[in-house]
Amino acid sequence: MTLTRRSFLASAAGFGLYAALPASAQATTPQIYAEDGIAIDGTDPVAYFTDAAPVEGSADITHEWNGATWRFASEANRETFAADPEAYAPQYGGYCAYAVSEGYTASSTPKAWKIVDGKLYLNYSRRIQRRWDRDITARITNADANWPTVLQ
């Protein structure tokens, strides 16, 4: 059985363990976490700010930005995002904020989210988000220092 980076992280997270991946394992990590090219699993990034909830975007209402396809629940949300994507896109390219604070990348889920100081942060799971929540300020400081070097 081949252990991929993703299956390794999923297994490690399931046991509450995280291990830093060597830089060589991250050499091809894209700037935006996008399964099959779709950012945030198709969740509308603007809706986190306007509806205070993850809202599924439509495959018919999209915008290409930073190498990923972003989906939206409405044309208005697409236009809002297109005008200022940096304001609505999740921090750290949508990778898990906890993982980036620890010095590596991991996938995220749209359901483990928080807006802090007007910025959207996603985490691997709600359980990992609770760990991140224990010291958000320090986690963000560490993640900011690690980003984007964790992609290399």
C-alpha atoms as a PDB file:
ATOM      1  CA  MET A   1       0.000   0.000   0.000  1.00  0.00           C
ATOM      2  CA  THR A   2       1.297   3.428  -0.898  1.00  0.00           C
ATOM      3  CA  LEU A   3       1.019   5.977   1.848  1.00  0.00           C
ATOM      4  CA  THR A   4       0.262   9.329   0.282  1.00  0.00           C
ATOM      5  CA  ARG A   5       0.801  12.631   2.039  1.00  0.00           C
ATOM      6  CA  ARG A   6      -2.950  13.006   2.363  1.00  0.00           C
ATOM      7  CA  SER A   7      -3.556   9.515   3.800  1.00  0.00           C
ATOM      8  CA  PHE A   8      -0.624   9.985   6.172  1.00  0.00           C
ATOM      9  CA  LEU A   9      -2.068  13.255   7.461  1.00  0.00           C
ATOM     10  CA  ALA A  10      -5.535  11.758   7.758  1.00  0.00           C
ATOM     11  CA  SER A  11      -4.153   8.833   9.749  1.00  0.00           C
ATOM     12  CA  ALA A  12      -2.012  11.054  11.938  1.00  0.00           C
ATOM     13  CA  ALA A  13      -4.900  13.419  12.602  1.00  0.00           C
ATOM     14  CA  GLY A  14      -7.146  10.502  13.483  1.00  0.00           C
ATOM     15  CA  PHE A  15      -4.748   9.595  16.278  1.00  0.00           C
ATOM     16  CA  GLY A  16      -4.282  13.216  17.311  1.00  0.00           C
ATOM     17  CA  LEU A  17      -0.719  13.153  15.999  1.00  0.00           C
ATOM     18  CA  TYR A  18       1.002  15.498  13.631  1.00  0.00           C
ATOM     19  CA  ALA A  19       4.475  15.139  12.204  1.00  0.00           C
ATOM     20  CA  ALA A  20       6.281  17.691  10.107  1.00  0.00           C
ATOM     21  CA  LEU A  21       6.780  16.540   6.555  1.00  0.00           C
ATOM     22  CA  PRO A  22      10.201  17.003   5.006  1.00  0.00           C
ATOM     23  CA  ALA A  23      10.482  19.876   2.566  1.00  0.00           C
ATOM     24  CA  SER A  24      10.850  17.403  -0.314  1.00  0.00           C
ATOM     25  CA  ALA A  25       7.369  16.021   0.404  1.00  0.00           C
ATOM     26  CA  GLN A  26       5.919  19.507   0.094  1.00  0.00           C
ATOM     27  CA  ALA A  27       7.812  20.608  -3.001  1.00  0.00           C
ATOM     28  CA  THR A  28       4.763  20.371  -5.238  1.00  0.00           C
ATOM     29  CA  THR A  29       2.194  21.716  -2.788  1.00  0.00           C
ATOM     30  CA  PRO A  30       0.033  24.258  -4.645  1.00  0.00           C
ATOM     31  CA  GLN A  31      -0.578  27.703  -3.155  1.00  0.00           C
ATOM     32  CA  ILE A  32      -4.337  27.030  -2.857  1.00  0.00           C
ATOM     33  CA  TYR A  33      -5.734  23.855  -1.323  1.00  0.00           C
ATOM     34  CA  ALA A  34      -8.189  22.744  -4.004  1.00  0.00           C
ATOM     35  CA  GLU A  35      -9.313  19.138  -4.405  1.00  0.00           C
ATOM     36  CA  ASP A  36      -9.850  18.479  -8.098  1.00  0.00           C
ATOM     37  CA  GLY A  37      -9.129  22.170  -8.680  1.00  0.00           C
ATOM     38  CA  ILE A  38     -12.120  23.340  -6.591  1.00  0.00           C
ATOM     39  CA  ALA A  39     -11.290  25.641  -3.652  1.00  0.00           C
ATOM     40  CA  ILE A  40     -12.924  25.046  -0.245  1.00  0.00           C
ATOM     41  CA  ASP A  41     -14.691  21.913  -1.519  1.00  0.00           C
ATOM     42  CA  GLY A  42     -17.019  24.177  -3.513  1.00  0.00           C
ATOM     43  CA  THR A  43     -18.082  26.306  -0.551  1.00  0.00           C
ATOM     44  CA  ASP A  44     -18.794  29.986  -1.216  1.00  0.00           C
ATOM     45  CA  PRO A  45     -16.031  31.991   0.548  1.00  0.00           C
ATOM     46  CA  VAL A  46     -18.097  35.180   0.672  1.00  0.00           C
ATOM     47  CA  ALA A  47     -20.942  33.423   2.490  1.00  0.00           C
ATOM     48  CA  TYR A  48     -18.759  32.927   5.583  1.00  0.00           C
ATOM     49  CA  PHE A  49     -18.810  36.712   5.923  1.00  0.00           C
ATOM     50  CA  THR A  50     -22.378  37.450   4.804  1.00  0.00           C
ATOM     51  CA  ASP A  51     -24.256  34.406   6.159  1.00  0.00           C
ATOM     52  CA  ALA A  52     -21.889  33.454   9.002  1.00  0.00           C
ATOM     53  CA  ALA A  53     -21.999  29.875   7.726  1.00  0.00           C
ATOM     54  CA  PRO A  54     -20.475  27.651   5.074  1.00  0.00           C
ATOM     55  CA  VAL A  55     -22.827  27.720   2.065  1.00  0.00           C
ATOM     56  CA  GLU A  56     -22.450  25.410  -0.902  1.00  0.00           C
ATOM     57  CA  GLY A  57     -21.523  27.207  -4.086  1.00  0.00           C
ATOM     58  CA  SER A  58     -22.944  26.434  -7.500  1.00  0.00           C
ATOM     59  CA  ALA A  59     -20.923  24.749 -10.254  1.00  0.00           C
ATOM     60  CA  ASP A  60     -22.568  27.286 -12.583  1.00  0.00           C
ATOM     61  CA  ILE A  61     -21.314  30.354 -10.687  1.00  0.00           C
ATOM     62  CA  THR A  62     -17.523  30.280 -10.563  1.00  0.00           C
ATOM     63  CA  HIS A  63     -14.438  32.443 -10.656  1.00  0.00           C
ATOM     64  CA  GLU A  64     -10.859  31.387 -11.453  1.00  0.00           C
ATOM     65  CA  TRP A  65      -8.294  32.823  -9.076  1.00  0.00           C
ATOM     66  CA  ASN A  66      -4.818  31.792  -8.006  1.00  0.00           C
ATOM     67  CA  GLY A  67      -4.940  28.502  -9.889  1.00  0.00           C
ATOM     68  CA  ALA A  68      -8.231  27.284  -8.416  1.00  0.00           C
ATOM     69  CA  THR A  69     -11.916  27.410  -9.248  1.00  0.00           C
ATOM     70  CA  TRP A  70     -14.022  29.138  -6.600  1.00  0.00           C
ATOM     71  CA  ARG A  71     -17.771  28.494  -6.441  1.00  0.00           C
ATOM     72  CA  PHE A  72     -20.463  30.885  -5.243  1.00  0.00           C
ATOM     73  CA  ALA A  73     -24.059  30.696  -4.108  1.00  0.00           C
ATOM     74  CA  SER A  74     -24.970  33.853  -6.033  1.00  0.00           C
ATOM     75  CA  GLU A  75     -23.745  36.121  -8.808  1.00  0.00           C
ATOM     76  CA  ALA A  76     -23.464  38.925  -6.234  1.00  0.00           C
ATOM     77  CA  ASN A  77     -21.074  36.856  -4.125  1.00  0.00           C
ATOM     78  CA  ARG A  78     -18.979  36.030  -7.191  1.00  0.00           C
ATOM     79  CA  GLU A  79     -18.713  39.712  -8.085  1.00  0.00           C
ATOM     80  CA  THR A  80     -17.821  40.597  -4.481  1.00  0.00           C
ATOM     81  CA  PHE A  81     -15.042  38.001  -4.458  1.00  0.00           C
ATOM     82  CA  ALA A  82     -13.749  38.946  -7.916  1.00  0.00           C
ATOM     83  CA  ALA A  83     -13.422  42.581  -6.828  1.00  0.00           C
ATOM     84  CA  ASP A  84     -11.192  41.672  -3.829  1.00  0.00           C
ATOM     85  CA  PRO A  85     -10.351  37.950  -3.561  1.00  0.00           C
ATOM     86  CA  GLU A  86      -7.721  38.501  -0.845  1.00  0.00           C
ATOM     87  CA  ALA A  87     -10.443  39.819   1.467  1.00  0.00           C
ATOM     88  CA  TYR A  88     -12.558  36.643   1.213  1.00  0.00           C
ATOM     89  CA  ALA A  89     -10.204  33.762   0.431  1.00  0.00           C
ATOM     90  CA  PRO A  90      -9.179  31.723   3.460  1.00  0.00           C
ATOM     91  CA  GLN A  91      -5.781  32.390   4.953  1.00  0.00           C
ATOM     92  CA  TYR A  92      -2.884  30.080   4.077  1.00  0.00           C
ATOM     93  CA  GLY A  93      -4.488  29.106   0.794  1.00  0.00           C
ATOM     94  CA  GLY A  94      -7.265  27.261   2.575  1.00  0.00           C
ATOM     95  CA  TYR A  95      -4.897  24.766   4.193  1.00  0.00           C
ATOM     96  CA  CYS A  96      -5.435  23.903   7.848  1.00  0.00           C
ATOM     97  CA  ALA A  97      -4.438  26.919   9.954  1.00  0.00           C
ATOM     98  CA  TYR A  98      -3.325  24.654  12.807  1.00  0.00           C
ATOM     99  CA  ALA A  99      -1.043  22.633  10.523  1.00  0.00           C
ATOM    100  CA  VAL A 100       0.521  25.756   9.032  1.00  0.00           C
ATOM    101  CA  SER A 101       1.146  27.049  12.566  1.00  0.00           C
ATOM    102  CA  GLU A 102       3.038  23.795  13.193  1.00  0.00           C
ATOM    103  CA  GLY A 103       5.102  24.182  10.011  1.00  0.00           C
ATOM    104  CA  TYR A 104       3.411  21.962   7.418  1.00  0.00           C
ATOM    105  CA  THR A 105       0.250  21.754   5.334  1.00  0.00           C
ATOM    106  CA  ALA A 106      -2.854  19.635   5.764  1.00  0.00           C
ATOM    107  CA  SER A 107      -6.233  19.605   4.097  1.00  0.00           C
ATOM    108  CA  SER A 108      -9.144  21.485   5.619  1.00  0.00           C
ATOM    109  CA  THR A 109     -12.887  21.163   5.853  1.00  0.00           C
ATOM    110  CA  PRO A 110     -15.317  24.019   5.178  1.00  0.00           C
ATOM    111  CA  LYS A 111     -17.140  23.163   8.421  1.00  0.00           C
ATOM    112  CA  ALA A 112     -14.155  23.938  10.686  1.00  0.00           C
ATOM    113  CA  TRP A 113     -13.885  27.682  10.206  1.00  0.00           C
ATOM    114  CA  LYS A 114     -13.561  30.960  12.057  1.00  0.00           C
ATOM    115  CA  ILE A 115     -13.278  34.603  11.101  1.00  0.00           C
ATOM    116  CA  VAL A 116     -10.670  36.431  13.173  1.00  0.00           C
ATOM    117  CA  ASP A 117      -9.990  40.132  12.632  1.00  0.00           C
ATOM    118  CA  GLY A 118     -11.847  40.018   9.317  1.00  0.00           C
ATOM    119  CA  LYS A 119      -9.901  37.013   7.955  1.00  0.00           C
ATOM    120  CA  LEU A 120     -11.191  33.512   7.264  1.00  0.00           C
ATOM    121  CA  TYR A 121      -9.316  30.538   8.734  1.00  0.00           C
ATOM    122  CA  LEU A 122     -10.050  26.869   8.033  1.00  0.00           C
ATOM    123  CA  ASN A 123      -8.911  23.763   9.898  1.00  0.00           C
ATOM    124  CA  TYR A 124      -8.564  20.051   9.202  1.00  0.00           C
ATOM    125  CA  SER A 125     -11.504  19.139  11.458  1.00  0.00           C
ATOM    126  CA  ARG A 126     -13.599  20.596  14.245  1.00  0.00           C
ATOM    127  CA  ARG A 127     -11.474  18.660  16.737  1.00  0.00           C
ATOM    128  CA  ILE A 128      -8.289  20.235  15.381  1.00  0.00           C
ATOM    129  CA  GLN A 129     -10.031  23.604  15.347  1.00  0.00           C
ATOM    130  CA  ARG A 130     -10.703  23.278  19.090  1.00  0.00           C
ATOM    131  CA  ARG A 131      -6.949  22.762  19.537  1.00  0.00           C
ATOM    132  CA  TRP A 132      -6.294  25.845  17.365  1.00  0.00           C
ATOM    133  CA  ASP A 133      -8.872  27.816  19.381  1.00  0.00           C
ATOM    134  CA  ARG A 134      -6.903  27.343  22.627  1.00  0.00           C
ATOM    135  CA  ASP A 135      -4.435  30.049  21.561  1.00  0.00           C
ATOM    136  CA  ILE A 136      -5.574  31.612  18.319  1.00  0.00           C
ATOM    137  CA  THR A 137      -3.241  34.602  18.591  1.00  0.00           C
ATOM    138  CA  ALA A 138      -0.109  32.457  18.930  1.00  0.00           C
ATOM    139  CA  ARG A 139      -1.323  30.043  16.234  1.00  0.00           C
ATOM    140  CA  ILE A 140      -1.880  32.883  13.764  1.00  0.00           C
ATOM    141  CA  THR A 141       1.509  34.426  14.613  1.00  0.00           C
ATOM    142  CA  ASN A 142       3.240  31.084  14.035  1.00  0.00           C
ATOM    143  CA  ALA A 143       1.287  30.354  10.855  1.00  0.00           C
ATOM    144  CA  ASP A 144       2.010  33.817   9.453  1.00  0.00           C
ATOM    145  CA  ALA A 145       5.729  33.210  10.083  1.00  0.00           C
ATOM    146  CA  ASN A 146       5.579  29.775   8.398  1.00  0.00           C
ATOM    147  CA  TRP A 147       3.522  30.821   5.372  1.00  0.00           C
ATOM    148  CA  PRO A 148       4.313  30.398   2.472  1.00  0.00           C
ATOM    149  CA  THR A 149       7.600  28.574   3.185  1.00  0.00           C
ATOM    150  CA  VAL A 150       5.618  25.452   4.161  1.00  0.00           C
ATOM    151  CA  LEU A 151       4.742  25.083   0.467  1.00  0.00           C
ATOM    152  CA  GLN A 152       8.351  24.469  -0.545  1.00  0.00           C
END
